[in-house]
């Protein structure tokens, strides 16, 4: 499933730590926005990682799950593509 994570965090150290963690799940698509094509198990790990972030009163992190139908309706203007895990085969 495709998830979108956006954040607005004031503290540089926390923001950088969060961005590095999010790279474990998917690419940065904008300055404070990441897309991740994850399994249910990976989503659980991602949520656990996000819950550990210490947020100040004005900080926020948002995670949006996009259904397959919604993912097909994404429109991008300018540079970029919708994140999708590459197909692979084990023989």
N, C-alpha and C. Protein backbone atom coordinates (compact mmCIF):
# COMPACT_ATOMS: atom_id res chain seq x y z
N UNK A 1 0.85 -1.18 0.00
CA UNK A 1 0.00 0.00 0.00
C UNK A 1 0.88 1.23 0.00
N UNK A 2 0.41 2.29 -0.59
CA UNK A 2 1.16 3.53 -0.62
C UNK A 2 0.74 4.41 0.55
N UNK A 3 1.71 4.92 1.27
CA UNK A 3 1.44 5.88 2.34
C UNK A 3 2.22 7.15 2.06
N UNK A 4 1.66 8.24 2.52
CA UNK A 4 2.28 9.54 2.39
C UNK A 4 2.50 10.07 3.79
N UNK A 5 3.72 10.51 4.08
CA UNK A 5 4.04 11.07 5.39
C UNK A 5 4.52 12.49 5.18
N UNK A 6 3.88 13.41 5.87
CA UNK A 6 4.31 14.82 5.82
C UNK A 6 4.56 15.28 7.25
N UNK A 7 5.40 16.26 7.38
CA UNK A 7 5.70 16.74 8.73
C UNK A 7 6.06 18.21 8.71
N UNK A 8 5.86 18.83 9.86
CA UNK A 8 6.24 20.22 10.10
C UNK A 8 6.84 20.23 11.50
N UNK A 9 8.17 20.22 11.57
CA UNK A 9 8.87 20.12 12.84
C UNK A 9 9.89 21.25 12.92
N UNK A 10 9.83 21.99 13.99
CA UNK A 10 10.67 23.17 14.15
C UNK A 10 12.13 22.83 14.47
N UNK A 11 12.36 21.88 15.36
CA UNK A 11 13.71 21.57 15.82
C UNK A 11 14.51 20.84 14.72
N UNK A 12 15.65 21.42 14.34
CA UNK A 12 16.45 20.85 13.25
C UNK A 12 16.90 19.43 13.53
N UNK A 13 17.37 19.13 14.73
CA UNK A 13 17.86 17.79 15.06
C UNK A 13 16.76 16.75 14.92
N UNK A 14 15.59 17.06 15.45
CA UNK A 14 14.47 16.12 15.39
C UNK A 14 14.02 15.95 13.95
N UNK A 15 13.94 17.05 13.21
CA UNK A 15 13.51 17.00 11.81
C UNK A 15 14.47 16.17 10.96
N UNK A 16 15.76 16.35 11.15
CA UNK A 16 16.77 15.60 10.39
C UNK A 16 16.72 14.12 10.76
N UNK A 17 16.57 13.82 12.04
CA UNK A 17 16.48 12.43 12.49
C UNK A 17 15.25 11.75 11.89
N UNK A 18 14.13 12.47 11.86
CA UNK A 18 12.91 11.92 11.28
C UNK A 18 13.09 11.67 9.78
N UNK A 19 13.66 12.62 9.07
CA UNK A 19 13.86 12.47 7.63
C UNK A 19 14.75 11.26 7.33
N UNK A 20 15.80 11.07 8.10
CA UNK A 20 16.68 9.91 7.90
C UNK A 20 15.93 8.61 8.14
N UNK A 21 15.08 8.58 9.16
CA UNK A 21 14.30 7.39 9.46
C UNK A 21 13.31 7.10 8.33
N UNK A 22 12.67 8.13 7.81
CA UNK A 22 11.69 7.94 6.75
C UNK A 22 12.34 7.39 5.48
N UNK A 23 13.60 7.70 5.26
CA UNK A 23 14.30 7.16 4.09
C UNK A 23 14.43 5.64 4.14
N UNK A 24 14.29 5.05 5.33
CA UNK A 24 14.28 3.60 5.45
C UNK A 24 13.03 2.99 4.82
N UNK A 25 12.00 3.80 4.62
CA UNK A 25 10.72 3.30 4.13
C UNK A 25 10.40 3.74 2.70
N UNK A 26 10.93 4.87 2.29
CA UNK A 26 10.61 5.36 0.95
C UNK A 26 11.30 6.68 0.67
N UNK A 27 11.16 7.16 -0.56
CA UNK A 27 11.87 8.38 -0.96
C UNK A 27 11.18 9.67 -0.52
N UNK A 28 11.99 10.69 -0.42
CA UNK A 28 11.49 12.05 -0.18
C UNK A 28 10.97 12.55 -1.52
N UNK A 29 9.73 13.03 -1.54
CA UNK A 29 9.16 13.54 -2.78
C UNK A 29 9.04 15.06 -2.78
N UNK A 30 9.07 15.64 -1.61
CA UNK A 30 9.17 17.09 -1.43
C UNK A 30 9.92 17.32 -0.14
N UNK A 31 10.19 18.56 0.18
CA UNK A 31 11.05 18.87 1.31
C UNK A 31 10.63 18.16 2.60
N UNK A 32 9.36 18.18 2.93
CA UNK A 32 8.88 17.54 4.17
C UNK A 32 7.81 16.50 3.88
N UNK A 33 7.95 15.82 2.73
CA UNK A 33 6.96 14.82 2.33
C UNK A 33 7.68 13.58 1.80
N UNK A 34 7.26 12.42 2.30
CA UNK A 34 7.81 11.14 1.85
C UNK A 34 6.68 10.25 1.39
N UNK A 35 6.94 9.42 0.38
CA UNK A 35 6.02 8.37 -0.04
C UNK A 35 6.68 7.03 0.26
N UNK A 36 5.88 6.06 0.67
CA UNK A 36 6.43 4.74 0.94
C UNK A 36 5.44 3.68 0.48
N UNK A 37 5.92 2.75 -0.31
CA UNK A 37 5.13 1.60 -0.72
C UNK A 37 5.45 0.49 0.26
N UNK A 38 4.56 0.25 1.22
CA UNK A 38 4.87 -0.64 2.34
C UNK A 38 3.86 -1.77 2.48
N UNK A 39 4.28 -2.82 3.16
CA UNK A 39 3.39 -3.90 3.55
C UNK A 39 2.75 -3.53 4.88
N UNK A 40 1.79 -4.32 5.32
CA UNK A 40 1.17 -4.07 6.63
C UNK A 40 2.21 -4.13 7.75
N UNK A 41 3.14 -5.08 7.66
CA UNK A 41 4.20 -5.22 8.66
C UNK A 41 5.11 -3.99 8.67
N UNK A 42 5.48 -3.52 7.49
CA UNK A 42 6.33 -2.32 7.41
C UNK A 42 5.58 -1.09 7.90
N UNK A 43 4.28 -1.02 7.62
CA UNK A 43 3.48 0.10 8.10
C UNK A 43 3.47 0.14 9.62
N UNK A 44 3.36 -1.02 10.23
CA UNK A 44 3.38 -1.09 11.69
C UNK A 44 4.71 -0.56 12.23
N UNK A 45 5.82 -0.97 11.61
CA UNK A 45 7.15 -0.48 12.03
C UNK A 45 7.26 1.03 11.83
N UNK A 46 6.72 1.52 10.72
CA UNK A 46 6.76 2.95 10.44
C UNK A 46 5.99 3.72 11.50
N UNK A 47 4.79 3.26 11.82
CA UNK A 47 3.98 3.93 12.85
C UNK A 47 4.69 3.91 14.21
N UNK A 48 5.32 2.80 14.54
CA UNK A 48 6.06 2.71 15.81
C UNK A 48 7.20 3.72 15.83
N UNK A 49 7.90 3.86 14.70
CA UNK A 49 9.00 4.83 14.62
C UNK A 49 8.47 6.26 14.77
N UNK A 50 7.34 6.55 14.14
CA UNK A 50 6.78 7.90 14.22
C UNK A 50 6.29 8.23 15.62
N UNK A 51 5.76 7.24 16.33
CA UNK A 51 5.27 7.47 17.68
C UNK A 51 6.39 7.81 18.65
N UNK A 52 7.62 7.44 18.32
CA UNK A 52 8.76 7.70 19.20
C UNK A 52 9.30 9.12 19.06
N UNK A 53 8.88 9.85 18.03
CA UNK A 53 9.37 11.21 17.80
C UNK A 53 8.77 12.14 18.84
N UNK A 54 9.62 12.89 19.52
CA UNK A 54 9.15 13.84 20.53
C UNK A 54 8.79 15.15 19.83
N UNK A 55 7.51 15.45 19.83
CA UNK A 55 7.01 16.64 19.15
C UNK A 55 6.79 17.79 20.11
N UNK A 56 7.13 18.99 19.67
CA UNK A 56 6.80 20.20 20.42
C UNK A 56 5.32 20.52 20.19
N UNK A 57 4.81 21.47 20.91
CA UNK A 57 3.38 21.81 20.83
C UNK A 57 2.92 22.17 19.42
N UNK A 58 3.77 22.83 18.65
CA UNK A 58 3.37 23.28 17.31
C UNK A 58 3.82 22.33 16.20
N UNK A 59 4.46 21.22 16.54
CA UNK A 59 4.93 20.25 15.54
C UNK A 59 3.80 19.30 15.13
N UNK A 60 3.96 18.71 13.94
CA UNK A 60 3.01 17.68 13.54
C UNK A 60 3.63 16.74 12.52
N UNK A 61 3.14 15.51 12.55
CA UNK A 61 3.47 14.50 11.56
C UNK A 61 2.13 13.93 11.10
N UNK A 62 1.96 13.78 9.79
CA UNK A 62 0.73 13.22 9.25
C UNK A 62 1.06 12.02 8.38
N UNK A 63 0.30 10.96 8.53
CA UNK A 63 0.46 9.77 7.71
C UNK A 63 -0.88 9.49 7.03
N UNK A 64 -0.85 9.41 5.72
CA UNK A 64 -2.05 9.13 4.94
C UNK A 64 -1.88 7.80 4.22
N UNK A 65 -2.83 6.90 4.40
CA UNK A 65 -2.85 5.64 3.64
C UNK A 65 -3.66 5.89 2.38
N UNK A 66 -3.10 5.53 1.24
CA UNK A 66 -3.79 5.72 -0.02
C UNK A 66 -4.21 4.37 -0.58
N UNK A 67 -5.48 4.22 -0.84
CA UNK A 67 -5.97 2.96 -1.39
C UNK A 67 -5.49 2.83 -2.84
N UNK A 68 -5.59 1.63 -3.38
CA UNK A 68 -5.11 1.37 -4.73
C UNK A 68 -5.84 2.25 -5.76
N UNK A 69 -7.13 2.44 -5.58
CA UNK A 69 -7.90 3.28 -6.50
C UNK A 69 -7.40 4.72 -6.43
N UNK A 70 -7.18 5.22 -5.21
CA UNK A 70 -6.70 6.59 -5.03
C UNK A 70 -5.30 6.76 -5.61
N UNK A 71 -4.47 5.76 -5.43
CA UNK A 71 -3.10 5.82 -5.96
C UNK A 71 -3.11 5.97 -7.47
N UNK A 72 -4.03 5.31 -8.13
CA UNK A 72 -4.13 5.40 -9.59
C UNK A 72 -4.60 6.77 -10.05
N UNK A 73 -5.19 7.55 -9.14
CA UNK A 73 -5.73 8.87 -9.49
C UNK A 73 -4.79 10.01 -9.11
N UNK A 74 -3.58 9.70 -8.66
CA UNK A 74 -2.63 10.75 -8.30
C UNK A 74 -2.19 11.50 -9.56
N UNK A 75 -2.18 12.80 -9.47
CA UNK A 75 -1.71 13.64 -10.57
C UNK A 75 -0.50 14.42 -10.08
N UNK A 76 0.54 14.45 -10.88
CA UNK A 76 1.75 15.19 -10.54
C UNK A 76 1.99 16.23 -11.63
N UNK A 77 2.18 17.46 -11.22
CA UNK A 77 2.58 18.52 -12.13
C UNK A 77 4.05 18.78 -11.87
N UNK A 78 4.85 18.84 -12.90
CA UNK A 78 6.28 19.08 -12.73
C UNK A 78 7.02 17.78 -12.52
N UNK A 79 8.16 17.86 -11.88
CA UNK A 79 9.06 16.73 -11.69
C UNK A 79 8.51 15.72 -10.70
N UNK A 80 8.70 14.43 -10.99
CA UNK A 80 8.35 13.40 -10.02
C UNK A 80 7.51 12.29 -10.60
N UNK A 81 7.54 11.17 -9.90
CA UNK A 81 6.71 10.01 -10.22
C UNK A 81 6.15 9.46 -8.92
N UNK A 82 5.05 8.73 -9.00
CA UNK A 82 4.47 8.10 -7.82
C UNK A 82 5.36 6.95 -7.42
N UNK A 83 5.66 6.85 -6.13
CA UNK A 83 6.53 5.80 -5.61
C UNK A 83 5.87 4.44 -5.76
N UNK A 84 6.65 3.50 -6.28
CA UNK A 84 6.18 2.13 -6.43
C UNK A 84 7.37 1.21 -6.27
N UNK A 85 7.20 0.18 -5.43
CA UNK A 85 8.27 -0.80 -5.32
C UNK A 85 8.47 -1.47 -6.68
N UNK A 86 9.72 -1.72 -7.01
CA UNK A 86 10.02 -2.40 -8.25
C UNK A 86 9.61 -3.86 -8.14
N UNK A 87 9.13 -4.40 -9.26
CA UNK A 87 8.81 -5.81 -9.30
C UNK A 87 10.10 -6.61 -9.25
N UNK A 88 10.09 -7.68 -8.50
CA UNK A 88 11.25 -8.55 -8.46
C UNK A 88 10.78 -10.00 -8.33
N UNK A 89 11.62 -10.87 -8.78
CA UNK A 89 11.28 -12.30 -8.77
C UNK A 89 12.39 -13.06 -8.11
N UNK A 90 12.03 -14.03 -7.32
CA UNK A 90 13.01 -14.90 -6.68
C UNK A 90 12.93 -16.25 -7.37
N UNK A 91 14.07 -16.70 -7.88
CA UNK A 91 14.05 -17.99 -8.59
C UNK A 91 14.82 -19.05 -7.83
